[in-house]
Amino acid sequence: MTDNEERYWDRLVRETARPHLLQSVGWAQVKAATGWRAQRFILEDDGGRRGCVQVLRKRIGPSLSVAYAPRGPLCEDERLPDAVSALRKELARDWTVSLLIDPEIPDSETLSRALESAGVRRSPVYVQPRRTLLIDLSQDPDAMLATMRKKTRQYIHKAERAGVATEETTDLARFHRLLTTVAERDRFGIHDLGYFADLVEAFGDTLHLLMARIDGEDVGALLVIRMGDRAWELFGGWSGTHGESRPFYLLKWRSMLKMKQLGVRRYDMWGLAEGDELAGVENFKLGFGGDVATWIGALETPVTGFLFPLWRLGARQRLAAASA
């Protein structure tokens, strides 16, 4: 795509009034490094444009591919079954086995029946979180603080009194060192530095690396990306030191204020727990107030029907893990 075409696509995504960074050109650029190829479709009917969708395709054989539309299609809830049907027809031209989608659309009995009639089923494999926390940044700061739990407000003010410093940096290696410390302590895997360099290249000045420091020591980090009126916390964590000063509480608060200053109105904490394993993280996030949003989840539909049973035997689970 030319620069003009890329800007045009991202403008279309923003104009849907429900933009998502996973439907952006930048995200497609990042996923291209792992073999995903983007196709983009404008959803239209006799009444004009009804939405758009970016589909990522990956080869699973010499002539076969699977398709995934992360957080798409971007369309009105009631138009989702028709959008999937139209996509299926287009994707069938090129030996696509299946289509996986996970739009940010609430579940409902009416929509579920319509999707089932269109041949769309719920997938046991999902990539993106089904629940998240959205903070309304259109309020003034005092109102935002008032919606938080008392302890969260107290810890923010405690960090301020303790002299916790927060700042934005372009030093990706510094950010990655802190994130590596968090991963080693909490025993989870993280992407290598090259992945984060790809993110920075793809999203430019809409990507923000925010750090918290105490006495010259990095103690907290956040990576936030914004698009339109929304921002997403993709990665972050606390080093485990200086816990008595509550640095991560202040870092998240300052991140929200920074995004508000830049015109963001919805701040996404990027997922809430699906089970007990991350219940502590969920409780921490919920302390900042906001609204819990629950989406319909992952939906799957066969595109080349006779190949779909083979896909369901297990290959889709491995591929879903690779598409996160």
C-alpha atoms as a PDB file:
ATOM      1  CA  MET A   1       0.000   0.000   0.000  1.00  0.00           C
ATOM      2  CA  THR A   2       1.116   3.572  -0.614  1.00  0.00           C
ATOM      3  CA  ASP A   3       1.315   6.051   2.270  1.00  0.00           C
ATOM      4  CA  ASN A   4      -1.893   7.690   1.047  1.00  0.00           C
ATOM      5  CA  GLU A   5      -3.711   4.340   0.937  1.00  0.00           C
ATOM      6  CA  GLU A   6      -2.538   3.509   4.460  1.00  0.00           C
ATOM      7  CA  ARG A   7      -3.724   6.861   5.793  1.00  0.00           C
ATOM      8  CA  TYR A   8      -7.048   6.347   3.980  1.00  0.00           C
ATOM      9  CA  TRP A   9      -7.572   2.949   5.596  1.00  0.00           C
ATOM     10  CA  ASP A  10      -6.851   4.175   9.110  1.00  0.00           C
ATOM     11  CA  ARG A  11      -9.210   7.094   8.491  1.00  0.00           C
ATOM     12  CA  LEU A  12     -11.950   4.622   7.511  1.00  0.00           C
ATOM     13  CA  VAL A  13     -11.305   2.693  10.720  1.00  0.00           C
ATOM     14  CA  ARG A  14     -11.612   5.851  12.811  1.00  0.00           C
ATOM     15  CA  GLU A  15     -14.794   6.899  10.996  1.00  0.00           C
ATOM     16  CA  THR A  16     -16.589   3.732  12.111  1.00  0.00           C
ATOM     17  CA  ALA A  17     -16.832   5.363  15.574  1.00  0.00           C
ATOM     18  CA  ARG A  18     -15.477   2.121  17.031  1.00  0.00           C
ATOM     19  CA  PRO A  19     -11.819   2.187  15.946  1.00  0.00           C
ATOM     20  CA  HIS A  20      -9.451  -0.510  17.136  1.00  0.00           C
ATOM     21  CA  LEU A  21      -5.681  -0.616  16.831  1.00  0.00           C
ATOM     22  CA  LEU A  22      -5.858  -4.292  15.757  1.00  0.00           C
ATOM     23  CA  GLN A  23      -7.709  -3.141  12.641  1.00  0.00           C
ATOM     24  CA  SER A  24      -5.029  -0.574  11.787  1.00  0.00           C
ATOM     25  CA  VAL A  25      -2.344  -0.617   9.127  1.00  0.00           C
ATOM     26  CA  GLY A  26       0.260  -0.505  11.888  1.00  0.00           C
ATOM     27  CA  TRP A  27      -0.952  -3.767  13.415  1.00  0.00           C
ATOM     28  CA  ALA A  28      -0.867  -5.478  10.026  1.00  0.00           C
ATOM     29  CA  GLN A  29       2.744  -4.347   9.627  1.00  0.00           C
ATOM     30  CA  VAL A  30       3.672  -5.878  12.972  1.00  0.00           C
ATOM     31  CA  LYS A  31       1.950  -9.193  12.196  1.00  0.00           C
ATOM     32  CA  ALA A  32       3.561  -9.407   8.741  1.00  0.00           C
ATOM     33  CA  ALA A  33       6.800 -10.381  10.490  1.00  0.00           C
ATOM     34  CA  THR A  34       5.167 -13.670  11.542  1.00  0.00           C
ATOM     35  CA  GLY A  35       3.618 -14.522   8.190  1.00  0.00           C
ATOM     36  CA  TRP A  36       0.213 -12.838   8.351  1.00  0.00           C
ATOM     37  CA  ARG A  37      -0.889 -11.011   5.193  1.00  0.00           C
ATOM     38  CA  ALA A  38      -3.545  -8.296   5.387  1.00  0.00           C
ATOM     39  CA  GLN A  39      -6.580  -7.959   3.149  1.00  0.00           C
ATOM     40  CA  ARG A  40      -8.957  -5.056   3.604  1.00  0.00           C
ATOM     41  CA  PHE A  41     -12.631  -4.833   2.722  1.00  0.00           C
ATOM     42  CA  ILE A  42     -15.168  -2.001   2.802  1.00  0.00           C
ATOM     43  CA  LEU A  43     -18.639  -3.180   3.786  1.00  0.00           C
ATOM     44  CA  GLU A  44     -21.321  -1.579   1.619  1.00  0.00           C
ATOM     45  CA  ASP A  45     -24.930  -2.034   0.628  1.00  0.00           C
ATOM     46  CA  ASP A  46     -27.438   0.032  -1.378  1.00  0.00           C
ATOM     47  CA  GLY A  47     -27.431   2.594   1.430  1.00  0.00           C
ATOM     48  CA  GLY A  48     -23.685   3.200   1.224  1.00  0.00           C
ATOM     49  CA  ARG A  49     -20.721   2.297   3.420  1.00  0.00           C
ATOM     50  CA  ARG A  50     -21.637   0.259   6.499  1.00  0.00           C
ATOM     51  CA  GLY A  51     -18.221  -0.498   7.939  1.00  0.00           C
ATOM     52  CA  CYS A  52     -14.868  -2.043   7.154  1.00  0.00           C
ATOM     53  CA  VAL A  53     -12.677  -4.948   8.156  1.00  0.00           C
ATOM     54  CA  GLN A  54      -9.019  -5.873   8.001  1.00  0.00           C
ATOM     55  CA  VAL A  55      -8.503  -9.620   7.655  1.00  0.00           C
ATOM     56  CA  LEU A  56      -5.154 -11.255   8.395  1.00  0.00           C
ATOM     57  CA  ARG A  57      -4.442 -14.422   6.425  1.00  0.00           C
ATOM     58  CA  LYS A  58      -1.803 -17.049   7.065  1.00  0.00           C
ATOM     59  CA  ARG A  59      -0.744 -19.967   4.920  1.00  0.00           C
ATOM     60  CA  ILE A  60      -1.118 -23.425   6.474  1.00  0.00           C
ATOM     61  CA  GLY A  61      -0.131 -25.329   3.361  1.00  0.00           C
ATOM     62  CA  PRO A  62       0.996 -24.831  -0.236  1.00  0.00           C
ATOM     63  CA  SER A  63      -2.368 -23.406  -1.295  1.00  0.00           C
ATOM     64  CA  LEU A  64      -4.429 -23.215   1.905  1.00  0.00           C
ATOM     65  CA  SER A  65      -4.793 -20.363   4.368  1.00  0.00           C
ATOM     66  CA  VAL A  66      -6.809 -19.380   7.416  1.00  0.00           C
ATOM     67  CA  ALA A  67      -8.216 -15.926   8.112  1.00  0.00           C
ATOM     68  CA  TYR A  68      -8.533 -13.888  11.292  1.00  0.00           C
ATOM     69  CA  ALA A  69     -10.126 -10.451  11.672  1.00  0.00           C
ATOM     70  CA  PRO A  70      -8.888  -9.247  15.072  1.00  0.00           C
ATOM     71  CA  ARG A  71     -11.590  -7.086  16.688  1.00  0.00           C
ATOM     72  CA  GLY A  72     -13.412  -6.942  13.382  1.00  0.00           C
ATOM     73  CA  PRO A  73     -15.574  -6.465  11.452  1.00  0.00           C
ATOM     74  CA  LEU A  74     -16.136  -2.822  12.407  1.00  0.00           C
ATOM     75  CA  CYS A  75     -19.858  -2.488  11.773  1.00  0.00           C
ATOM     76  CA  GLU A  76     -23.129  -2.032  13.601  1.00  0.00           C
ATOM     77  CA  ASP A  77     -24.079  -4.995  15.773  1.00  0.00           C
ATOM     78  CA  GLU A  78     -27.103  -6.050  13.722  1.00  0.00           C
ATOM     79  CA  ARG A  79     -25.064  -6.050  10.488  1.00  0.00           C
ATOM     80  CA  LEU A  80     -22.509  -8.559  11.744  1.00  0.00           C
ATOM     81  CA  PRO A  81     -24.138 -11.718  10.261  1.00  0.00           C
ATOM     82  CA  ASP A  82     -24.365 -10.114   6.803  1.00  0.00           C
ATOM     83  CA  ALA A  83     -20.784  -8.860   7.091  1.00  0.00           C
ATOM     84  CA  VAL A  84     -19.516 -12.365   7.880  1.00  0.00           C
ATOM     85  CA  SER A  85     -21.477 -13.857   5.001  1.00  0.00           C
ATOM     86  CA  ALA A  86     -20.021 -11.317   2.566  1.00  0.00           C
ATOM     87  CA  LEU A  87     -16.499 -11.922   3.877  1.00  0.00           C
ATOM     88  CA  ARG A  88     -16.883 -15.664   3.570  1.00  0.00           C
ATOM     89  CA  LYS A  89     -17.822 -15.296  -0.078  1.00  0.00           C
ATOM     90  CA  GLU A  90     -14.773 -13.143  -0.812  1.00  0.00           C
ATOM     91  CA  LEU A  91     -12.332 -15.325   1.103  1.00  0.00           C
ATOM     92  CA  ALA A  92     -13.566 -18.487  -0.603  1.00  0.00           C
ATOM     93  CA  ARG A  93     -11.963 -17.269  -3.830  1.00  0.00           C
ATOM     94  CA  ASP A  94      -8.536 -18.216  -2.456  1.00  0.00           C
ATOM     95  CA  TRP A  95      -8.827 -21.568  -0.644  1.00  0.00           C
ATOM     96  CA  THR A  96      -9.404 -20.214   2.824  1.00  0.00           C
ATOM     97  CA  VAL A  97     -10.292 -22.909   5.362  1.00  0.00           C
ATOM     98  CA  SER A  98     -11.916 -20.815   8.093  1.00  0.00           C
ATOM     99  CA  LEU A  99     -12.578 -17.299   9.329  1.00  0.00           C
ATOM    100  CA  LEU A 100     -12.163 -16.308  12.982  1.00  0.00           C
ATOM    101  CA  ILE A 101     -13.511 -12.990  14.280  1.00  0.00           C
ATOM    102  CA  ASP A 102     -13.799 -11.429  17.744  1.00  0.00           C
ATOM    103  CA  PRO A 103     -15.601  -8.095  17.352  1.00  0.00           C
ATOM    104  CA  GLU A 104     -16.218  -5.749  20.256  1.00  0.00           C
ATOM    105  CA  ILE A 105     -19.941  -6.368  20.178  1.00  0.00           C
ATOM    106  CA  PRO A 106     -22.021  -7.360  23.234  1.00  0.00           C
ATOM    107  CA  ASP A 107     -23.703 -10.746  23.227  1.00  0.00           C
ATOM    108  CA  SER A 108     -27.442 -11.017  22.799  1.00  0.00           C
ATOM    109  CA  GLU A 109     -29.912 -13.792  22.099  1.00  0.00           C
ATOM    110  CA  THR A 110     -31.132 -12.088  18.924  1.00  0.00           C
ATOM    111  CA  LEU A 111     -27.628 -11.671  17.522  1.00  0.00           C
ATOM    112  CA  SER A 112     -26.643 -15.224  18.477  1.00  0.00           C
ATOM    113  CA  ARG A 113     -29.620 -16.640  16.571  1.00  0.00           C
ATOM    114  CA  ALA A 114     -28.834 -14.527  13.523  1.00  0.00           C
ATOM    115  CA  LEU A 115     -25.185 -15.618  13.562  1.00  0.00           C
ATOM    116  CA  GLU A 116     -26.161 -19.255  13.897  1.00  0.00           C
ATOM    117  CA  SER A 117     -28.477 -18.901  10.908  1.00  0.00           C
ATOM    118  CA  ALA A 118     -25.526 -17.479   8.953  1.00  0.00           C
ATOM    119  CA  GLY A 119     -23.391 -20.510   9.809  1.00  0.00           C
ATOM    120  CA  VAL A 120     -21.296 -18.758  12.462  1.00  0.00           C
ATOM    121  CA  ARG A 121     -20.448 -20.652  15.649  1.00  0.00           C
ATOM    122  CA  ARG A 122     -18.716 -19.770  18.883  1.00  0.00           C
ATOM    123  CA  SER A 123     -15.097 -20.879  18.869  1.00  0.00           C
ATOM    124  CA  PRO A 124     -13.535 -22.712  21.826  1.00  0.00           C
ATOM    125  CA  VAL A 125     -10.286 -20.926  20.934  1.00  0.00           C
ATOM    126  CA  TYR A 126     -10.060 -17.190  21.461  1.00  0.00           C
ATOM    127  CA  VAL A 127      -7.159 -14.780  20.984  1.00  0.00           C
ATOM    128  CA  GLN A 128      -8.240 -11.418  22.423  1.00  0.00           C
ATOM    129  CA  PRO A 129      -9.744 -10.852  25.896  1.00  0.00           C
ATOM    130  CA  ARG A 130     -13.510 -11.226  26.141  1.00  0.00           C
ATOM    131  CA  ARG A 131     -13.716  -8.736  29.007  1.00  0.00           C
ATOM    132  CA  THR A 132     -11.973  -5.432  29.505  1.00  0.00           C
ATOM    133  CA  LEU A 133     -12.122  -2.256  31.581  1.00  0.00           C
ATOM    134  CA  LEU A 134     -12.869   1.054  29.860  1.00  0.00           C
ATOM    135  CA  ILE A 135     -12.125   4.329  31.637  1.00  0.00           C
ATOM    136  CA  ASP A 136     -14.042   7.458  30.602  1.00  0.00           C
ATOM    137  CA  LEU A 137     -11.445  10.195  30.133  1.00  0.00           C
ATOM    138  CA  SER A 138     -14.002  12.820  29.097  1.00  0.00           C
ATOM    139  CA  GLN A 139     -14.549  13.590  32.790  1.00  0.00           C
ATOM    140  CA  ASP A 140     -12.412  16.108  34.630  1.00  0.00           C
ATOM    141  CA  PRO A 141      -9.599  14.603  36.746  1.00  0.00           C
ATOM    142  CA  ASP A 142     -11.402  15.120  40.067  1.00  0.00           C
ATOM    143  CA  ALA A 143     -14.436  13.245  38.752  1.00  0.00           C
ATOM    144  CA  MET A 144     -12.202  10.419  37.506  1.00  0.00           C
ATOM    145  CA  LEU A 145     -10.558  10.145  40.926  1.00  0.00           C
ATOM    146  CA  ALA A 146     -13.966  10.118  42.599  1.00  0.00           C
ATOM    147  CA  THR A 147     -15.005   7.003  40.647  1.00  0.00           C
ATOM    148  CA  MET A 148     -11.966   5.064  41.888  1.00  0.00           C
ATOM    149  CA  ARG A 149     -11.869   2.879  44.953  1.00  0.00           C
ATOM    150  CA  LYS A 150     -10.749   4.689  48.084  1.00  0.00           C
ATOM    151  CA  LYS A 151      -7.543   2.638  48.380  1.00  0.00           C
ATOM    152  CA  THR A 152      -6.577   3.372  44.780  1.00  0.00           C
ATOM    153  CA  ARG A 153      -6.954   7.127  45.337  1.00  0.00           C
ATOM    154  CA  GLN A 154      -4.939   6.853  48.526  1.00  0.00           C
ATOM    155  CA  TYR A 155      -2.134   4.964  46.822  1.00  0.00           C
ATOM    156  CA  ILE A 156      -1.969   7.503  43.965  1.00  0.00           C
ATOM    157  CA  HIS A 157      -1.583  10.330  46.466  1.00  0.00           C
ATOM    158  CA  LYS A 158       0.892   8.307  48.516  1.00  0.00           C
ATOM    159  CA  ALA A 159       3.092   7.843  45.435  1.00  0.00           C
ATOM    160  CA  GLU A 160       2.940  11.578  44.762  1.00  0.00           C
ATOM    161  CA  ARG A 161       4.016  12.372  48.335  1.00  0.00           C
ATOM    162  CA  ALA A 162       6.798   9.774  48.121  1.00  0.00           C
ATOM    163  CA  GLY A 163       8.286  11.629  45.174  1.00  0.00           C
ATOM    164  CA  VAL A 164       7.671   8.970  42.518  1.00  0.00           C
ATOM    165  CA  ALA A 165       8.638  10.483  39.158  1.00  0.00           C
ATOM    166  CA  THR A 166       6.925   9.575  35.904  1.00  0.00           C
ATOM    167  CA  GLU A 167       8.124  10.361  32.409  1.00  0.00           C
ATOM    168  CA  GLU A 168       7.797   9.399  28.771  1.00  0.00           C
ATOM    169  CA  THR A 169      10.825   7.881  27.081  1.00  0.00           C
ATOM    170  CA  THR A 170      11.949   6.795  23.625  1.00  0.00           C
ATOM    171  CA  ASP A 171      14.532   4.410  25.124  1.00  0.00           C
ATOM    172  CA  LEU A 172      13.071   1.072  24.082  1.00  0.00           C
ATOM    173  CA  ALA A 173      15.892  -0.956  25.631  1.00  0.00           C
ATOM    174  CA  ARG A 174      15.222   0.708  28.992  1.00  0.00           C
ATOM    175  CA  PHE A 175      11.535  -0.192  28.762  1.00  0.00           C
ATOM    176  CA  HIS A 176      12.327  -3.776  27.755  1.00  0.00           C
ATOM    177  CA  ARG A 177      14.761  -4.255  30.648  1.00  0.00           C
ATOM    178  CA  LEU A 178      12.060  -3.345  33.137  1.00  0.00           C
ATOM    179  CA  LEU A 179       9.484  -5.552  31.418  1.00  0.00           C
ATOM    180  CA  THR A 180      11.975  -8.449  31.448  1.00  0.00           C
ATOM    181  CA  THR A 181      12.376  -7.998  35.205  1.00  0.00           C
ATOM    182  CA  VAL A 182       8.606  -8.182  35.649  1.00  0.00           C
ATOM    183  CA  ALA A 183       8.359 -11.299  33.453  1.00  0.00           C
ATOM    184  CA  GLU A 184      11.104 -13.109  35.335  1.00  0.00           C
ATOM    185  CA  ARG A 185       9.512 -12.328  38.685  1.00  0.00           C
ATOM    186  CA  ASP A 186       5.977 -13.302  37.670  1.00  0.00           C
ATOM    187  CA  ARG A 187       7.062 -16.159  35.358  1.00  0.00           C
ATOM    188  CA  PHE A 188       5.434 -15.204  32.099  1.00  0.00           C
ATOM    189  CA  GLY A 189       6.871 -14.943  28.607  1.00  0.00           C
ATOM    190  CA  ILE A 190       7.437 -11.678  26.773  1.00  0.00           C
ATOM    191  CA  HIS A 191       8.326 -10.693  23.232  1.00  0.00           C
ATOM    192  CA  ASP A 192      11.932  -9.972  22.353  1.00  0.00           C
ATOM    193  CA  LEU A 193      13.246  -6.460  21.816  1.00  0.00           C
ATOM    194  CA  GLY A 194      12.813  -6.773  18.053  1.00  0.00           C
ATOM    195  CA  TYR A 195       9.049  -7.169  18.415  1.00  0.00           C
ATOM    196  CA  PHE A 196       8.799  -3.952  20.387  1.00  0.00           C
ATOM    197  CA  ALA A 197      11.007  -2.200  17.830  1.00  0.00           C
ATOM    198  CA  ASP A 198       8.486  -3.293  15.169  1.00  0.00           C
ATOM    199  CA  LEU A 199       5.671  -1.797  17.244  1.00  0.00           C
ATOM    200  CA  VAL A 200       7.510   1.509  17.556  1.00  0.00           C
ATOM    201  CA  GLU A 201       8.194   1.608  13.810  1.00  0.00           C
ATOM    202  CA  ALA A 202       4.594   0.761  12.939  1.00  0.00           C
ATOM    203  CA  PHE A 203       2.834   3.175  15.306  1.00  0.00           C
ATOM    204  CA  GLY A 204       5.295   6.049  15.537  1.00  0.00           C
ATOM    205  CA  ASP A 205       4.244   8.908  17.779  1.00  0.00           C
ATOM    206  CA  THR A 206       0.932   7.263  18.647  1.00  0.00           C
ATOM    207  CA  LEU A 207       2.894   4.753  20.755  1.00  0.00           C
ATOM    208  CA  HIS A 208       3.943   5.917  24.203  1.00  0.00           C
ATOM    209  CA  LEU A 209       6.514   4.379  26.569  1.00  0.00           C
ATOM    210  CA  LEU A 210       5.880   5.616  30.113  1.00  0.00           C
ATOM    211  CA  MET A 211       8.197   4.956  33.032  1.00  0.00           C
ATOM    212  CA  ALA A 212       8.089   5.426  36.815  1.00  0.00           C
ATOM    213  CA  ARG A 213      11.302   6.128  38.732  1.00  0.00           C
ATOM    214  CA  ILE A 214      12.333   6.344  42.374  1.00  0.00           C
ATOM    215  CA  ASP A 215      15.759   7.756  43.234  1.00  0.00           C
ATOM    216  CA  GLY A 216      16.961   7.142  39.688  1.00  0.00           C
ATOM    217  CA  GLU A 217      15.728   3.529  39.592  1.00  0.00           C
ATOM    218  CA  ASP A 218      13.138   2.413  37.036  1.00  0.00           C
ATOM    219  CA  VAL A 219      10.296   0.765  38.939  1.00  0.00           C
ATOM    220  CA  GLY A 220       7.364   0.744  36.507  1.00  0.00           C
ATOM    221  CA  ALA A 221       6.652   0.742  32.764  1.00  0.00           C
ATOM    222  CA  LEU A 222       3.662   1.026  30.443  1.00  0.00           C
ATOM    223  CA  LEU A 223       3.296   0.806  26.666  1.00  0.00           C
ATOM    224  CA  VAL A 224       0.180   2.591  25.402  1.00  0.00           C
ATOM    225  CA  ILE A 225      -1.035   3.005  21.818  1.00  0.00           C
ATOM    226  CA  ARG A 226      -3.782   5.436  20.804  1.00  0.00           C
ATOM    227  CA  MET A 227      -6.028   5.641  17.771  1.00  0.00           C
ATOM    228  CA  GLY A 228      -8.884   8.080  17.344  1.00  0.00           C
ATOM    229  CA  ASP A 229     -10.544   8.711  20.689  1.00  0.00           C
ATOM    230  CA  ARG A 230      -9.252   5.524  22.291  1.00  0.00           C
ATOM    231  CA  ALA A 231      -6.029   4.253  23.865  1.00  0.00           C
ATOM    232  CA  TRP A 232      -4.936   0.760  24.859  1.00  0.00           C
ATOM    233  CA  GLU A 233      -2.479  -0.416  27.509  1.00  0.00           C
ATOM    234  CA  LEU A 234      -0.724  -3.281  25.768  1.00  0.00           C
ATOM    235  CA  PHE A 235       2.192  -4.040  28.068  1.00  0.00           C
ATOM    236  CA  GLY A 236       3.407  -2.941  31.470  1.00  0.00           C
ATOM    237  CA  GLY A 237       4.354  -3.858  34.976  1.00  0.00           C
ATOM    238  CA  TRP A 238       5.953  -3.017  38.288  1.00  0.00           C
ATOM    239  CA  SER A 239       9.535  -4.038  39.094  1.00  0.00           C
ATOM    240  CA  GLY A 240       8.686  -5.351  42.553  1.00  0.00           C
ATOM    241  CA  THR A 241      10.816  -2.800  44.391  1.00  0.00           C
ATOM    242  CA  HIS A 242       9.729   0.226  46.455  1.00  0.00           C
ATOM    243  CA  GLY A 243       6.304  -1.291  46.903  1.00  0.00           C
ATOM    244  CA  GLU A 244       5.592   0.929  49.889  1.00  0.00           C
ATOM    245  CA  SER A 245       5.582   3.952  47.544  1.00  0.00           C
ATOM    246  CA  ARG A 246       2.940   2.418  45.208  1.00  0.00           C
ATOM    247  CA  PRO A 247       4.671   3.633  42.006  1.00  0.00           C
ATOM    248  CA  PHE A 248       2.538   1.663  39.547  1.00  0.00           C
ATOM    249  CA  TYR A 249      -0.669   3.294  40.776  1.00  0.00           C
ATOM    250  CA  LEU A 250       0.708   6.728  39.969  1.00  0.00           C
ATOM    251  CA  LEU A 251       2.110   5.591  36.615  1.00  0.00           C
ATOM    252  CA  LYS A 252      -1.288   4.373  35.422  1.00  0.00           C
ATOM    253  CA  TRP A 253      -2.959   7.552  36.645  1.00  0.00           C
ATOM    254  CA  ARG A 254      -0.397   9.750  34.882  1.00  0.00           C
ATOM    255  CA  SER A 255      -0.826   7.640  31.742  1.00  0.00           C
ATOM    256  CA  MET A 256      -4.570   8.361  31.763  1.00  0.00           C
ATOM    257  CA  LEU A 257      -3.943  12.083  32.223  1.00  0.00           C
ATOM    258  CA  LYS A 258      -1.438  12.052  29.341  1.00  0.00           C
ATOM    259  CA  MET A 259      -3.918  10.339  27.027  1.00  0.00           C
ATOM    260  CA  LYS A 260      -6.670  12.733  28.090  1.00  0.00           C
ATOM    261  CA  GLN A 261      -4.401  15.643  27.184  1.00  0.00           C
ATOM    262  CA  LEU A 262      -3.943  14.103  23.720  1.00  0.00           C
ATOM    263  CA  GLY A 263      -7.689  13.912  23.080  1.00  0.00           C
ATOM    264  CA  VAL A 264      -8.360  10.316  24.113  1.00  0.00           C
ATOM    265  CA  ARG A 265     -11.793   9.706  25.596  1.00  0.00           C
ATOM    266  CA  ARG A 266     -11.749   5.933  26.188  1.00  0.00           C
ATOM    267  CA  TYR A 267      -8.845   4.254  27.967  1.00  0.00           C
ATOM    268  CA  ASP A 268      -8.732   0.457  27.625  1.00  0.00           C
ATOM    269  CA  MET A 269      -6.904  -1.556  30.303  1.00  0.00           C
ATOM    270  CA  TRP A 270      -6.632  -4.436  27.790  1.00  0.00           C
ATOM    271  CA  GLY A 271      -8.399  -7.329  29.347  1.00  0.00           C
ATOM    272  CA  LEU A 272      -9.740  -8.665  32.620  1.00  0.00           C
ATOM    273  CA  ALA A 273      -9.203 -12.124  34.060  1.00  0.00           C
ATOM    274  CA  GLU A 274     -10.975 -15.193  32.674  1.00  0.00           C
ATOM    275  CA  GLY A 275     -10.176 -17.260  35.769  1.00  0.00           C
ATOM    276  CA  ASP A 276      -8.619 -17.175  39.229  1.00  0.00           C
ATOM    277  CA  GLU A 277      -5.017 -17.074  37.971  1.00  0.00           C
ATOM    278  CA  LEU A 278      -5.083 -13.333  37.224  1.00  0.00           C
ATOM    279  CA  ALA A 279      -7.734 -12.321  39.743  1.00  0.00           C
ATOM    280  CA  GLY A 280      -5.254 -10.115  41.590  1.00  0.00           C
ATOM    281  CA  VAL A 281      -4.427  -8.183  38.426  1.00  0.00           C
ATOM    282  CA  GLU A 282      -8.133  -7.742  37.720  1.00  0.00           C
ATOM    283  CA  ASN A 283      -8.790  -6.432  41.224  1.00  0.00           C
ATOM    284  CA  PHE A 284      -5.959  -3.916  40.800  1.00  0.00           C
ATOM    285  CA  LYS A 285      -7.405  -2.649  37.521  1.00  0.00           C
ATOM    286  CA  LEU A 286     -10.956  -2.425  38.854  1.00  0.00           C
ATOM    287  CA  GLY A 287      -9.721  -0.082  41.544  1.00  0.00           C
ATOM    288  CA  PHE A 288      -9.420   2.653  38.903  1.00  0.00           C
ATOM    289  CA  GLY A 289     -13.179   2.729  38.307  1.00  0.00           C
ATOM    290  CA  GLY A 290     -14.534   2.633  34.785  1.00  0.00           C
ATOM    291  CA  ASP A 291     -16.940   0.237  33.122  1.00  0.00           C
ATOM    292  CA  VAL A 292     -16.493  -3.487  32.566  1.00  0.00           C
ATOM    293  CA  ALA A 293     -17.204  -4.332  28.927  1.00  0.00           C
ATOM    294  CA  THR A 294     -18.013  -7.929  27.987  1.00  0.00           C
ATOM    295  CA  TRP A 295     -17.863  -8.864  24.305  1.00  0.00           C
ATOM    296  CA  ILE A 296     -19.434 -11.724  22.380  1.00  0.00           C
ATOM    297  CA  GLY A 297     -16.130 -13.620  22.178  1.00  0.00           C
ATOM    298  CA  ALA A 298     -14.491 -15.526  19.345  1.00  0.00           C
ATOM    299  CA  LEU A 299     -16.690 -16.618  16.460  1.00  0.00           C
ATOM    300  CA  GLU A 300     -15.710 -19.055  13.744  1.00  0.00           C
ATOM    301  CA  THR A 301     -17.183 -19.963  10.405  1.00  0.00           C
ATOM    302  CA  PRO A 302     -16.031 -22.437   7.746  1.00  0.00           C
ATOM    303  CA  VAL A 303     -15.087 -20.917   4.410  1.00  0.00           C
ATOM    304  CA  THR A 304     -14.105 -24.079   2.513  1.00  0.00           C
ATOM    305  CA  GLY A 305     -16.511 -26.480   4.161  1.00  0.00           C
ATOM    306  CA  PHE A 306     -15.028 -29.871   3.366  1.00  0.00           C
ATOM    307  CA  LEU A 307     -11.645 -28.866   4.838  1.00  0.00           C
ATOM    308  CA  PHE A 308     -13.024 -27.403   8.046  1.00  0.00           C
ATOM    309  CA  PRO A 309     -13.277 -30.672  10.044  1.00  0.00           C
ATOM    310  CA  LEU A 310      -9.535 -31.238   9.647  1.00  0.00           C
ATOM    311  CA  TRP A 311      -8.901 -27.712  10.884  1.00  0.00           C
ATOM    312  CA  ARG A 312     -11.007 -28.314  13.978  1.00  0.00           C
ATOM    313  CA  LEU A 313      -8.901 -31.299  15.033  1.00  0.00           C
ATOM    314  CA  GLY A 314      -6.308 -29.044  16.629  1.00  0.00           C
ATOM    315  CA  ALA A 315      -4.440 -26.892  14.156  1.00  0.00           C
ATOM    316  CA  ARG A 316      -6.611 -23.876  14.938  1.00  0.00           C
ATOM    317  CA  GLN A 317      -5.552 -23.852  18.599  1.00  0.00           C
ATOM    318  CA  ARG A 318      -1.867 -23.670  17.690  1.00  0.00           C
ATOM    319  CA  LEU A 319      -2.532 -20.932  15.156  1.00  0.00           C
ATOM    320  CA  ALA A 320      -4.648 -18.904  17.567  1.00  0.00           C
ATOM    321  CA  ALA A 321      -1.750 -18.840  20.028  1.00  0.00           C
ATOM    322  CA  ALA A 322       0.536 -17.585  17.258  1.00  0.00           C
ATOM    323  CA  SER A 323      -1.821 -14.755  16.263  1.00  0.00           C
ATOM    324  CA  ALA A 324      -1.959 -13.021  19.650  1.00  0.00           C
END
